[in-house]
Amino acid sequence: MTAEEFKKVLHNGETDTVEFKSWVNARNQKEIISLAVDELIAFANCKGGTVYFGVEDRPVEVTGCDRDYDGQRILEGIYDKTRPSLFAEIEDFEYEGKVVIAISVKSDGKTYTTTDGRCLKRLGKNSKPLYPDELSNVYSSIQTPDFSGRIINESTLDDVNKLEVYCLKEKLRVRDSKSTLPDLDDNDFLRDLQLVKYDGNVERLTVAGLLFVGKETSIQRLLPQAEVIYLHYSSDNLEEYDARLDLKIPLISVIDKLTERVQANSKIENIQVGVFRLEVEEFPERVFQEALLNAVSHRDYQSNAAIYVKQYPDRIVIENPGGFLDGITENNIITHPSVPRNKLIAETLQNLKYVQRTGQGVDIIFKDMVSMGKPYPRYRDFNDAVSLTIFSTIDNKKFVKFITEIQDKNSKIMSLAEMMILRDLMDNRKEQLSALTEVVQKSLDETKKSCNELINSGLIEIVGKEYMLTAKAYEALKSDVEYTRDKTIQYIKAKNMILEYLQSDNKITSAKIQEMCGFTKQQARIVTDKMRNEGVLQICKHGNKSYYCKL
């Protein structure tokens, strides 16, 4: 961390991701470890964060740490005193002549406690206890078997809506003409899907069975919390809804009715791509259906809360009872393997060909939204609920045309990671690999592979340690003026680094320039040649041991 970056941290003070701790007032290293553990657990159970040792918080003052501290012992102490064992990162840096030690953790979706059973979470500037009622929601998926596969003891086959069974069969015939399920008689069809099971000698509905083929009166009687509420808000009044629909009906009927309602209120924008016109819906049908299918698959049916679908002029918000399952966070939801809270519901949707078996619903939502130039879908995780917001506006029509033309020209569908990298570089001009890794939610190797694909396609290039759009991509997405400006900024940055180095050393080699600026040999040569042409640098020795001096 640079002095300037840390100065900003000090100015902002303690936050939900920053904690200051005194080193000089701690009695020993054991106490330091104990102080670190509590704060790091609280950070890990929320967004992640950093504890800065050597800083007093009232008032904020840097008092420093011992220079000969044992970092390995601190990391091992944190690891040994947490369950599951918490991996932290430690670094130190000097600020105004004093050593500051920064210990950081990331949020990975797991819930951490101390070895003596204390669990904390970060709330603003303070760390607060996480109480048993909150923890019960976190661990419910581990402690409780698949709720949707349970037999409903009060149910009978009289609770089955035969018309709904017929509709499911007919929809499956259309979705999968090779499926043999629709050819079965009704009871065998329900048994095969495990929507009915034997309870002794009596056949009864499972929770999933009630939700897929139950009569409306039976759902209201046996599982009244299985409700989806649709609210519509107009641009004239965003606080009070002007239309409401309460649905306690089978899931597929819910999907059909709400899709029809949303599409009725969704406009279409035409984008000219060559000789074709691309129709972009405000709320694309596939995106909305995938989002709603995820909601009904992952909601907590033991909660009394309903699923809410709120349609505003510029967005749709789907609020779902039940927080993320263990291991899933807002920062890995695209790539984390699918973990359905209700396994039988998810399997039934797969068998009926409404979702893919590979669990790529979130991937589809993001890919469709990115390819249509819309803002990224926004997930928010609460203790007992998850919300998803999908936006209607098109941020950049040029991006839509560009992606469509590239895919058409190459006869190849671009991956979501590649689209997100292009989108990020369009918005932020230049990024290092580590930043792109966070954007696409993949490993460094996987992200680098996607970057290489884009480099090979002539869409991005690497300058030093940073990726940026090529001139061809700039021409399509921005302008050649912006491309020239960004390349100029890159050169000025390298030039200043070289001249600053020459203030303390009277010579610099090409190898040193490559190391310092993250350049290839060719890039270093281009910069030094330009500086020589400007008359600020000269080559002082030729051959294998050549170096440069300030002119």
Protein backbone atom coordinates (compact mmCIF):
# COMPACT_ATOMS: atom_id res chain seq x y z
CA MET A 1 0.00 0.00 0.00
CA THR A 2 1.33 3.43 -0.91
CA ALA A 3 1.49 6.34 1.52
CA GLU A 4 -1.14 8.20 -0.51
CA GLU A 5 -3.54 5.23 -0.43
CA PHE A 6 -3.09 4.83 3.33
CA LYS A 7 -3.62 8.53 3.84
CA LYS A 8 -7.08 8.12 2.31
CA VAL A 9 -7.78 5.16 4.64
CA LEU A 10 -6.87 7.31 7.65
CA HIS A 11 -9.02 10.17 6.37
CA ASN A 12 -12.08 7.92 5.97
CA GLY A 13 -11.58 6.38 9.42
CA GLU A 14 -13.02 3.07 10.58
CA THR A 15 -15.70 1.60 8.30
CA ASP A 16 -17.45 -1.72 7.70
CA THR A 17 -14.20 -2.96 6.08
CA VAL A 18 -11.53 -1.07 8.08
CA GLU A 19 -10.51 -1.37 11.76
CA PHE A 20 -7.68 0.45 13.57
CA LYS A 21 -5.87 -1.24 16.47
CA SER A 22 -3.14 0.02 18.78
CA TRP A 23 0.09 -1.96 18.89
CA VAL A 24 1.82 0.02 21.61
CA ASN A 25 -1.03 -0.50 24.09
CA ALA A 26 -1.17 -4.28 23.59
CA ARG A 27 0.53 -6.21 26.39
CA ASN A 28 2.02 -8.90 24.16
CA GLN A 29 1.69 -10.68 20.84
CA LYS A 30 -0.90 -13.07 22.28
CA GLU A 31 -3.22 -10.14 22.93
CA ILE A 32 -2.55 -8.80 19.43
CA ILE A 33 -3.63 -12.14 17.95
CA SER A 34 -6.76 -12.15 20.12
CA LEU A 35 -7.70 -8.61 19.00
CA ALA A 36 -7.10 -9.52 15.37
CA VAL A 37 -9.20 -12.72 15.53
CA ASP A 38 -12.40 -10.99 16.69
CA GLU A 39 -12.27 -8.28 14.03
CA LEU A 40 -11.20 -10.59 11.21
CA ILE A 41 -14.03 -13.04 11.97
CA ALA A 42 -16.51 -10.16 11.87
CA PHE A 43 -15.09 -9.02 8.50
CA ALA A 44 -15.05 -12.56 7.05
CA ASN A 45 -18.71 -13.05 8.01
CA CYS A 46 -19.66 -9.92 6.05
CA LYS A 47 -17.74 -8.28 3.18
CA GLY A 48 -14.16 -8.97 4.24
CA GLY A 49 -11.83 -6.23 5.49
CA THR A 50 -8.51 -5.15 6.97
CA VAL A 51 -7.24 -4.56 10.52
CA TYR A 52 -4.47 -1.94 10.63
CA PHE A 53 -2.21 -2.35 13.67
CA GLY A 54 -0.20 0.68 14.72
CA VAL A 55 -3.09 3.15 14.47
CA GLU A 56 -5.07 4.68 17.35
CA ASP A 57 -8.72 5.30 16.53
CA ARG A 58 -9.64 8.14 18.95
CA PRO A 59 -8.27 10.39 17.64
CA VAL A 60 -6.88 8.72 14.53
CA GLU A 61 -3.10 8.71 14.97
CA VAL A 62 -0.34 6.46 13.61
CA THR A 63 1.81 5.25 16.53
CA GLY A 64 3.49 2.35 14.72
CA CYS A 65 4.43 -1.27 15.41
CA ASP A 66 7.59 -3.22 16.28
CA ARG A 67 9.77 -3.72 13.22
CA ASP A 68 10.81 -7.21 14.34
CA TYR A 69 7.28 -8.60 14.73
CA ASP A 70 6.68 -12.29 13.96
CA GLY A 71 4.20 -12.27 11.06
CA GLN A 72 4.16 -16.06 10.69
CA ARG A 73 3.24 -16.49 14.34
CA ILE A 74 0.36 -14.01 13.98
CA LEU A 75 -1.03 -15.80 10.90
CA GLU A 76 -0.76 -19.21 12.59
CA GLY A 77 -2.41 -17.82 15.74
CA ILE A 78 -5.37 -16.55 13.69
CA TYR A 79 -5.59 -19.89 11.87
CA ASP A 80 -5.50 -21.89 15.12
CA LYS A 81 -8.06 -19.76 16.97
CA THR A 82 -10.81 -19.82 14.32
CA ARG A 83 -13.28 -22.46 13.07
CA PRO A 84 -13.23 -23.18 10.22
CA SER A 85 -9.59 -22.09 10.20
CA LEU A 86 -9.34 -18.61 8.74
CA PHE A 87 -6.68 -17.75 6.17
CA ALA A 88 -5.49 -14.16 6.51
CA GLU A 89 -2.94 -12.08 4.60
CA ILE A 90 -0.40 -9.84 6.31
CA GLU A 91 1.74 -7.00 5.00
CA ASP A 92 3.60 -4.09 6.51
CA PHE A 93 4.53 -0.68 5.16
CA GLU A 94 6.10 2.50 6.43
CA TYR A 95 4.08 5.66 6.94
CA GLU A 96 5.77 8.83 8.14
CA GLY A 97 8.66 6.79 9.52
CA LYS A 98 6.47 4.30 11.44
CA VAL A 99 5.60 0.69 10.61
CA VAL A 100 1.93 -0.16 10.06
CA ILE A 101 0.85 -3.81 9.85
CA ALA A 102 -2.23 -4.65 7.74
CA ILE A 103 -3.99 -8.00 8.23
CA SER A 104 -6.74 -8.74 5.70
CA VAL A 105 -9.39 -11.40 5.07
CA LYS A 106 -11.87 -11.93 2.27
CA SER A 107 -15.49 -13.03 2.47
CA ASP A 108 -15.96 -16.50 0.99
CA GLY A 109 -19.53 -17.17 2.08
CA LYS A 110 -18.57 -19.36 5.04
CA THR A 111 -19.50 -18.52 8.63
CA TYR A 112 -16.52 -18.29 11.01
CA THR A 113 -16.35 -18.52 14.80
CA THR A 114 -13.62 -18.49 17.41
CA THR A 115 -12.50 -21.83 18.87
CA ASP A 116 -14.41 -20.94 22.05
CA GLY A 117 -17.66 -20.59 20.08
CA ARG A 118 -18.03 -16.83 19.59
CA CYS A 119 -19.37 -15.59 16.26
CA LEU A 120 -19.29 -11.95 15.16
CA LYS A 121 -20.34 -9.82 12.20
CA ARG A 122 -19.39 -6.31 11.12
CA LEU A 123 -22.01 -3.60 11.60
CA GLY A 124 -20.77 -0.19 10.47
CA LYS A 125 -17.70 0.69 12.54
CA ASN A 126 -18.22 -2.02 15.15
CA SER A 127 -18.21 -5.82 15.40
CA LYS A 128 -21.36 -7.34 16.89
CA PRO A 129 -22.30 -10.87 18.03
CA LEU A 130 -24.12 -13.14 15.56
CA TYR A 131 -26.91 -14.69 17.64
CA PRO A 132 -28.31 -18.26 17.50
CA ASP A 133 -31.49 -17.32 15.61
CA GLU A 134 -29.37 -15.80 12.85
CA LEU A 135 -26.99 -18.76 12.80
CA SER A 136 -29.90 -21.17 12.47
CA ASN A 137 -30.73 -19.65 9.07
CA VAL A 138 -27.11 -19.99 7.95
CA TYR A 139 -26.88 -23.66 8.88
CA SER A 140 -30.43 -24.72 7.97
CA SER A 141 -29.36 -26.13 4.63
CA ILE A 142 -26.77 -28.33 6.33
CA GLN A 143 -28.90 -29.49 9.24
CA THR A 144 -32.15 -30.04 7.32
CA PRO A 145 -32.61 -32.50 4.43
CA ASP A 146 -34.29 -31.40 1.20
CA PHE A 147 -37.55 -29.81 2.33
CA SER A 148 -39.13 -30.02 -1.12
CA GLY A 149 -38.76 -33.83 -1.10
CA ARG A 150 -40.69 -34.28 2.16
CA ILE A 151 -44.02 -36.10 2.14
CA ILE A 152 -46.98 -33.96 3.23
CA ASN A 153 -48.78 -36.20 5.70
CA GLU A 154 -52.12 -34.38 5.37
CA SER A 155 -52.18 -34.72 1.57
CA THR A 156 -53.90 -37.29 -0.65
CA LEU A 157 -54.16 -37.83 -4.39
CA ASP A 158 -57.38 -35.80 -4.24
CA ASP A 159 -55.16 -32.74 -3.83
CA VAL A 160 -53.78 -33.27 -7.36
CA ASN A 161 -55.04 -30.90 -10.07
CA LYS A 162 -55.36 -33.25 -13.07
CA LEU A 163 -55.58 -30.34 -15.50
CA GLU A 164 -52.19 -29.14 -14.22
CA VAL A 165 -50.73 -32.63 -14.82
CA TYR A 166 -52.07 -32.57 -18.38
CA CYS A 167 -50.56 -29.11 -18.95
CA LEU A 168 -47.15 -30.22 -17.68
CA LYS A 169 -47.16 -33.19 -20.05
CA GLU A 170 -48.10 -31.05 -23.04
CA LYS A 171 -45.49 -28.43 -22.24
CA LEU A 172 -42.86 -31.18 -21.95
CA ARG A 173 -43.84 -32.59 -25.36
CA VAL A 174 -43.11 -29.17 -26.86
CA ARG A 175 -39.87 -28.64 -24.94
CA ASP A 176 -38.49 -32.16 -25.48
CA SER A 177 -40.06 -34.20 -28.26
CA LYS A 178 -37.86 -37.19 -27.35
CA SER A 179 -39.01 -37.42 -23.74
CA THR A 180 -41.09 -40.51 -22.87
CA LEU A 181 -42.46 -39.01 -19.67
CA PRO A 182 -45.60 -37.54 -21.28
CA ASP A 183 -46.55 -41.03 -22.54
CA LEU A 184 -46.93 -42.36 -18.98
CA ASP A 185 -50.33 -42.39 -17.29
CA ASP A 186 -50.82 -39.58 -14.77
CA ASN A 187 -49.93 -41.57 -11.63
CA ASP A 188 -46.79 -43.08 -13.16
CA PHE A 189 -45.81 -39.63 -14.42
CA LEU A 190 -46.09 -38.21 -10.89
CA ARG A 191 -44.28 -41.20 -9.33
CA ASP A 192 -41.44 -41.00 -11.84
CA LEU A 193 -40.90 -37.34 -10.98
CA GLN A 194 -41.25 -38.16 -7.23
CA LEU A 195 -44.08 -35.65 -6.97
CA VAL A 196 -45.99 -38.37 -5.16
CA LYS A 197 -44.46 -40.97 -2.83
CA TYR A 198 -45.74 -43.86 -0.76
CA ASP A 199 -46.31 -43.16 2.91
CA GLY A 200 -46.78 -46.73 4.06
CA ASN A 201 -49.52 -48.04 1.77
CA VAL A 202 -50.91 -44.59 0.94
CA GLU A 203 -49.66 -42.31 -1.83
CA ARG A 204 -49.23 -38.71 -0.81
CA LEU A 205 -47.86 -35.54 -2.37
CA THR A 206 -44.37 -34.31 -1.66
CA VAL A 207 -43.83 -30.58 -1.10
CA ALA A 208 -42.55 -30.35 -4.68
CA GLY A 209 -45.61 -32.31 -5.86
CA LEU A 210 -47.97 -29.87 -4.17
CA LEU A 211 -46.12 -26.95 -5.71
CA PHE A 212 -46.19 -28.37 -9.25
CA VAL A 213 -49.57 -30.12 -9.50
CA GLY A 214 -51.53 -29.22 -6.36
CA LYS A 215 -54.96 -27.64 -6.45
CA GLU A 216 -55.02 -23.97 -5.54
CA THR A 217 -57.16 -24.68 -2.46
CA SER A 218 -54.74 -27.43 -1.40
CA ILE A 219 -51.72 -25.13 -1.66
CA GLN A 220 -53.49 -22.52 0.46
CA ARG A 221 -54.38 -25.17 3.04
CA LEU A 222 -51.18 -27.21 3.20
CA LEU A 223 -48.43 -24.71 2.31
CA PRO A 224 -49.87 -21.16 2.56
CA GLN A 225 -46.41 -19.56 2.62
CA ALA A 226 -45.80 -20.73 -0.98
CA GLU A 227 -46.90 -17.40 -2.37
CA VAL A 228 -45.58 -15.10 -5.09
CA ILE A 229 -46.72 -11.47 -4.96
CA TYR A 230 -46.37 -9.23 -8.02
CA LEU A 231 -46.39 -5.44 -7.58
CA HIS A 232 -46.30 -2.87 -10.38
CA TYR A 233 -45.06 0.69 -9.89
CA SER A 234 -45.58 3.53 -12.36
CA SER A 235 -43.17 6.38 -13.09
CA ASP A 236 -45.65 8.77 -11.44
CA ASN A 237 -45.38 7.07 -8.04
CA LEU A 238 -42.43 4.83 -7.17
CA GLU A 239 -43.50 4.49 -3.54
CA GLU A 240 -46.98 2.95 -3.93
CA TYR A 241 -47.86 0.16 -6.35
CA ASP A 242 -50.71 0.64 -8.78
CA ALA A 243 -51.32 -3.07 -9.50
CA ARG A 244 -50.98 -6.20 -7.38
CA LEU A 245 -51.28 -9.92 -8.06
CA ASP A 246 -51.23 -12.55 -5.26
CA LEU A 247 -50.48 -16.04 -6.53
CA LYS A 248 -50.86 -19.26 -4.54
CA ILE A 249 -50.98 -21.53 -7.57
CA PRO A 250 -48.70 -24.21 -9.09
CA LEU A 251 -45.19 -23.01 -9.96
CA ILE A 252 -45.36 -23.33 -13.75
CA SER A 253 -48.61 -21.36 -13.78
CA VAL A 254 -46.85 -18.71 -11.69
CA ILE A 255 -44.04 -18.55 -14.26
CA ASP A 256 -46.51 -18.28 -17.17
CA LYS A 257 -48.73 -15.63 -15.58
CA LEU A 258 -45.89 -13.39 -14.43
CA THR A 259 -44.00 -13.71 -17.70
CA GLU A 260 -47.14 -12.62 -19.54
CA ARG A 261 -47.66 -9.71 -17.11
CA VAL A 262 -44.05 -8.49 -17.35
CA GLN A 263 -43.96 -8.77 -21.14
CA ALA A 264 -47.18 -6.77 -21.38
CA ASN A 265 -45.40 -3.90 -19.61
CA SER A 266 -42.08 -4.32 -21.44
CA LYS A 267 -41.14 -2.18 -24.46
CA ILE A 268 -38.83 -3.15 -27.32
CA GLU A 269 -35.94 -1.05 -28.65
CA ASN A 270 -34.57 -1.65 -32.16
CA ILE A 271 -30.83 -1.45 -32.77
CA GLN A 272 -29.58 -1.41 -36.35
CA VAL A 273 -26.76 -3.94 -36.86
CA GLY A 274 -25.67 -3.84 -40.50
CA VAL A 275 -28.71 -4.65 -42.63
CA PHE A 276 -30.53 -6.26 -39.68
CA ARG A 277 -32.51 -4.81 -36.83
CA LEU A 278 -31.87 -6.33 -33.42
CA GLU A 279 -34.86 -6.23 -31.06
CA VAL A 280 -33.86 -5.67 -27.43
CA GLU A 281 -36.60 -6.03 -24.83
CA GLU A 282 -36.64 -3.91 -21.70
CA PHE A 283 -37.01 -7.08 -19.64
CA PRO A 284 -35.98 -10.05 -21.83
CA GLU A 285 -38.28 -13.03 -21.38
CA ARG A 286 -35.49 -15.57 -20.91
CA VAL A 287 -33.71 -13.42 -18.31
CA PHE A 288 -36.88 -12.86 -16.30
CA GLN A 289 -37.88 -16.54 -16.43
CA GLU A 290 -34.42 -17.71 -15.36
CA ALA A 291 -34.48 -15.23 -12.46
CA LEU A 292 -37.92 -16.37 -11.34
CA LEU A 293 -37.04 -20.07 -11.72
CA ASN A 294 -33.98 -19.48 -9.54
CA ALA A 295 -36.20 -17.81 -6.96
CA VAL A 296 -38.70 -20.69 -6.71
CA SER A 297 -35.85 -23.25 -6.64
CA HIS A 298 -33.81 -21.54 -3.95
CA ARG A 299 -36.38 -19.91 -1.68
CA ASP A 300 -36.81 -21.11 1.90
CA TYR A 301 -40.27 -22.71 1.96
CA GLN A 302 -40.14 -22.98 5.75
CA SER A 303 -40.15 -19.19 5.96
CA ASN A 304 -43.54 -17.47 6.18
CA ALA A 305 -42.38 -14.73 3.81
CA ALA A 306 -43.48 -14.65 0.16
CA ILE A 307 -41.47 -14.12 -3.02
CA TYR A 308 -41.97 -10.54 -4.20
CA VAL A 309 -41.66 -9.51 -7.84
CA LYS A 310 -41.60 -5.70 -8.07
CA GLN A 311 -41.72 -4.13 -11.52
CA TYR A 312 -40.59 -0.51 -11.82
CA PRO A 313 -40.25 1.48 -15.07
CA ASP A 314 -36.46 0.94 -15.13
CA ARG A 315 -35.97 -2.32 -13.21
CA ILE A 316 -37.46 -5.51 -11.79
CA VAL A 317 -36.60 -6.55 -8.24
CA ILE A 318 -37.15 -10.16 -7.13
CA GLU A 319 -36.99 -10.63 -3.35
CA ASN A 320 -36.56 -14.19 -2.19
CA PRO A 321 -36.91 -15.66 1.36
CA GLY A 322 -33.73 -17.47 2.43
CA GLY A 323 -30.15 -16.16 2.30
CA PHE A 324 -27.34 -17.55 0.15
CA LEU A 325 -26.31 -21.09 1.00
CA ASP A 326 -22.89 -21.69 2.57
CA GLY A 327 -20.05 -20.84 0.20
CA ILE A 328 -22.05 -18.60 -2.15
CA THR A 329 -21.53 -14.83 -2.14
CA GLU A 330 -22.32 -11.86 -4.36
CA ASN A 331 -18.71 -12.07 -5.56
CA ASN A 332 -18.76 -15.69 -6.78
CA ILE A 333 -22.38 -16.27 -7.73
CA ILE A 334 -21.66 -16.42 -11.47
CA THR A 335 -19.12 -19.24 -11.23
CA HIS A 336 -20.03 -21.05 -7.99
CA PRO A 337 -21.48 -24.54 -8.67
CA SER A 338 -25.26 -24.60 -8.37
CA VAL A 339 -26.41 -25.60 -4.87
CA PRO A 340 -30.23 -25.73 -4.84
CA ARG A 341 -31.90 -25.34 -1.47
CA ASN A 342 -34.79 -27.47 -2.78
CA LYS A 343 -33.25 -30.38 -4.65
CA LEU A 344 -36.48 -32.05 -5.81
CA ILE A 345 -37.90 -28.77 -7.15
CA ALA A 346 -34.67 -28.18 -9.09
CA GLU A 347 -34.67 -31.75 -10.43
CA THR A 348 -38.32 -31.45 -11.51
CA LEU A 349 -37.60 -28.21 -13.37
CA GLN A 350 -34.69 -29.99 -15.08
CA ASN A 351 -36.81 -33.00 -16.01
CA LEU A 352 -39.49 -30.70 -17.41
CA LYS A 353 -36.74 -28.89 -19.41
CA TYR A 354 -37.30 -25.51 -17.76
CA VAL A 355 -33.71 -25.24 -16.49
CA GLN A 356 -30.41 -26.78 -17.50
CA ARG A 357 -29.05 -29.68 -15.50
CA THR A 358 -25.68 -27.94 -15.24
CA GLY A 359 -27.20 -25.16 -13.15
CA GLN A 360 -26.24 -22.26 -15.40
CA GLY A 361 -29.19 -20.00 -14.64
CA VAL A 362 -27.14 -17.13 -13.19
CA ASP A 363 -24.63 -17.47 -16.04
CA ILE A 364 -27.47 -17.13 -18.58
CA ILE A 365 -28.90 -14.07 -16.82
CA PHE A 366 -25.54 -12.28 -16.83
CA LYS A 367 -24.64 -13.27 -20.39
CA ASP A 368 -27.93 -12.11 -21.88
CA MET A 369 -27.85 -8.81 -19.98
CA VAL A 370 -24.21 -8.07 -20.88
CA SER A 371 -24.69 -8.93 -24.57
CA MET A 372 -27.65 -6.54 -24.70
CA GLY A 373 -25.62 -3.68 -23.25
CA LYS A 374 -27.56 -3.57 -20.00
CA PRO A 375 -26.13 -3.04 -16.47
CA TYR A 376 -24.94 -6.14 -14.63
CA PRO A 377 -27.69 -7.89 -12.63
CA ARG A 378 -27.31 -6.91 -8.98
CA TYR A 379 -27.54 -9.50 -6.20
CA ARG A 380 -27.81 -8.50 -2.55
CA ASP A 381 -27.54 -11.01 0.26
CA PHE A 382 -29.29 -10.44 3.57
CA ASN A 383 -29.31 -12.73 6.58
CA ASP A 384 -32.62 -14.33 5.65
CA ALA A 385 -33.26 -13.16 2.07
CA VAL A 386 -31.72 -12.51 -1.33
CA SER A 387 -32.73 -9.82 -3.81
CA LEU A 388 -31.96 -9.68 -7.52
CA THR A 389 -32.35 -6.51 -9.60
CA ILE A 390 -32.43 -6.61 -13.40
CA PHE A 391 -32.36 -3.30 -15.26
CA SER A 392 -34.20 -2.26 -18.41
CA THR A 393 -31.95 0.49 -19.80
CA ILE A 394 -29.30 -0.06 -22.47
CA ASP A 395 -26.06 1.53 -21.28
CA ASN A 396 -24.22 1.42 -24.59
CA LYS A 397 -25.77 0.62 -27.98
CA LYS A 398 -22.33 0.61 -29.60
CA PHE A 399 -21.36 -2.29 -27.35
CA VAL A 400 -24.45 -4.28 -28.41
CA LYS A 401 -23.67 -3.73 -32.10
CA PHE A 402 -19.99 -4.54 -31.56
CA ILE A 403 -20.63 -7.87 -29.76
CA THR A 404 -23.28 -8.89 -32.31
CA GLU A 405 -21.03 -8.09 -35.30
CA ILE A 406 -17.98 -9.86 -33.81
CA GLN A 407 -19.97 -13.01 -33.05
CA ASP A 408 -21.57 -12.96 -36.50
CA LYS A 409 -18.21 -12.40 -38.24
CA ASN A 410 -16.44 -15.19 -36.31
CA SER A 411 -19.47 -17.52 -36.31
CA LYS A 412 -18.72 -18.09 -32.66
CA ILE A 413 -20.54 -17.17 -29.47
CA MET A 414 -18.32 -15.16 -27.17
CA SER A 415 -18.00 -16.44 -23.59
CA LEU A 416 -19.45 -14.46 -20.69
CA ALA A 417 -15.94 -13.83 -19.31
CA GLU A 418 -14.79 -12.37 -22.64
CA MET A 419 -17.84 -10.09 -22.84
CA MET A 420 -17.31 -8.89 -19.26
CA ILE A 421 -13.62 -8.17 -19.91
CA LEU A 422 -14.50 -6.09 -22.98
CA ARG A 423 -17.23 -4.30 -21.05
CA ASP A 424 -14.89 -3.54 -18.16
CA LEU A 425 -12.13 -2.23 -20.43
CA MET A 426 -14.68 -0.09 -22.26
CA ASP A 427 -15.74 1.46 -18.94
CA ASN A 428 -12.36 1.65 -17.18
CA ARG A 429 -9.91 1.99 -20.11
CA LYS A 430 -7.13 -0.15 -18.56
CA GLU A 431 -7.09 -2.97 -16.00
CA GLN A 432 -4.55 -5.36 -14.52
CA LEU A 433 -5.21 -9.10 -14.61
CA SER A 434 -6.03 -9.21 -10.87
CA ALA A 435 -8.82 -6.64 -11.32
CA LEU A 436 -10.29 -8.50 -14.31
CA THR A 437 -10.21 -11.71 -12.26
CA GLU A 438 -12.54 -10.14 -9.70
CA VAL A 439 -14.87 -8.90 -12.44
CA VAL A 440 -15.32 -12.30 -14.15
CA GLN A 441 -15.17 -14.27 -10.87
CA LYS A 442 -12.64 -16.77 -12.20
CA SER A 443 -9.09 -17.84 -11.33
CA LEU A 444 -6.08 -15.94 -12.62
CA ASP A 445 -5.28 -18.71 -15.12
CA GLU A 446 -8.87 -18.85 -16.44
CA THR A 447 -9.04 -15.06 -16.74
CA LYS A 448 -5.68 -14.93 -18.51
CA LYS A 449 -6.92 -17.56 -20.96
CA SER A 450 -9.98 -15.41 -21.78
CA CYS A 451 -7.71 -12.35 -22.20
CA ASN A 452 -5.47 -14.32 -24.58
CA GLU A 453 -8.53 -15.26 -26.66
CA LEU A 454 -9.39 -11.58 -26.98
CA ILE A 455 -5.77 -10.69 -27.80
CA ASN A 456 -5.72 -13.34 -30.53
CA SER A 457 -8.97 -11.88 -31.89
CA GLY A 458 -7.35 -8.44 -32.07
CA LEU A 459 -9.80 -6.91 -29.58
CA ILE A 460 -7.51 -6.14 -26.62
CA GLU A 461 -3.78 -5.69 -26.09
CA ILE A 462 -1.46 -5.74 -23.12
CA VAL A 463 0.65 -2.68 -22.33
CA GLY A 464 3.05 -3.35 -19.49
CA LYS A 465 0.97 -5.10 -16.85
CA GLU A 466 -2.34 -3.64 -18.01
CA TYR A 467 -4.89 -4.71 -20.61
CA MET A 468 -6.66 -2.21 -22.84
CA LEU A 469 -8.80 -2.19 -25.98
CA THR A 470 -7.01 -2.21 -29.34
CA ALA A 471 -7.38 0.61 -31.85
CA LYS A 472 -9.92 -1.55 -33.75
CA ALA A 473 -12.07 -1.96 -30.65
CA TYR A 474 -11.72 1.73 -29.75
CA GLU A 475 -12.91 2.67 -33.22
CA ALA A 476 -16.07 0.58 -32.72
CA LEU A 477 -16.74 1.39 -29.06
CA LYS A 478 -15.17 4.78 -28.43
CA SER A 479 -12.91 6.82 -30.72
CA ASP A 480 -9.40 6.85 -32.12
CA VAL A 481 -8.82 10.05 -30.14
CA GLU A 482 -9.44 8.22 -26.87
CA TYR A 483 -7.15 5.37 -27.96
CA THR A 484 -4.33 7.80 -28.74
CA ARG A 485 -4.90 9.60 -25.43
CA ASP A 486 -4.76 6.39 -23.38
CA LYS A 487 -1.61 5.21 -25.16
CA THR A 488 -0.07 8.64 -24.51
CA ILE A 489 -0.94 8.44 -20.81
CA GLN A 490 0.72 5.02 -20.65
CA TYR A 491 3.89 6.45 -22.22
CA ILE A 492 3.95 9.47 -19.90
CA LYS A 493 3.59 7.19 -16.89
CA ALA A 494 6.55 5.03 -18.01
CA LYS A 495 8.62 8.09 -18.90
CA ASN A 496 8.12 9.62 -15.45
CA MET A 497 9.07 6.35 -13.74
CA ILE A 498 12.31 6.16 -15.77
CA LEU A 499 13.25 9.79 -15.09
CA GLU A 500 12.46 9.39 -11.38
CA TYR A 501 14.71 6.33 -11.24
CA LEU A 502 17.54 8.27 -12.93
CA GLN A 503 17.40 10.88 -10.17
CA SER A 504 18.82 8.34 -7.73
CA ASP A 505 20.88 6.31 -10.20
CA ASN A 506 22.70 7.78 -13.18
CA LYS A 507 21.97 4.84 -15.48
CA ILE A 508 19.15 2.40 -16.26
CA THR A 509 19.10 -0.80 -18.31
CA SER A 510 16.39 -2.12 -20.60
CA ALA A 511 15.90 -5.05 -18.21
CA LYS A 512 15.27 -2.64 -15.34
CA ILE A 513 12.72 -0.72 -17.42
CA GLN A 514 10.95 -3.97 -18.26
CA GLU A 515 10.84 -4.98 -14.58
CA MET A 516 9.78 -1.54 -13.33
CA CYS A 517 7.10 -0.83 -15.94
CA GLY A 518 5.97 -4.39 -16.61
CA PHE A 519 7.00 -4.09 -20.27
CA THR A 520 8.13 -6.62 -22.80
CA LYS A 521 11.53 -6.06 -24.40
CA GLN A 522 9.86 -4.55 -27.48
CA GLN A 523 7.69 -2.20 -25.41
CA ALA A 524 10.74 -1.00 -23.45
CA ARG A 525 12.53 -0.34 -26.74
CA ILE A 526 9.61 1.72 -28.09
CA VAL A 527 9.57 3.91 -24.95
CA THR A 528 13.35 4.45 -24.85
CA ASP A 529 13.43 5.27 -28.58
CA LYS A 530 10.70 7.85 -28.10
CA MET A 531 12.49 9.41 -25.12
CA ARG A 532 15.73 9.56 -27.15
CA ASN A 533 13.88 11.31 -29.98
CA GLU A 534 12.55 13.82 -27.44
CA GLY A 535 16.10 14.49 -26.27
CA VAL A 536 15.60 13.42 -22.64
CA LEU A 537 17.46 10.11 -22.80
CA GLN A 538 20.62 8.85 -24.44
CA ILE A 539 22.14 5.44 -24.92
CA CYS A 540 25.49 5.39 -23.15
CA LYS A 541 26.79 1.98 -24.11
CA HIS A 542 25.91 -0.34 -26.97
CA GLY A 543 25.84 -4.13 -27.05
CA ASN A 544 24.73 -6.72 -24.50
CA LYS A 545 25.62 -4.46 -21.55
CA SER A 546 24.02 -1.31 -22.89
CA TYR A 547 22.32 1.19 -20.61
CA TYR A 548 20.64 4.58 -20.80
CA CYS A 549 21.47 7.90 -19.16
CA LYS A 550 19.65 11.18 -18.75
CA LEU A 551 20.62 13.61 -21.49
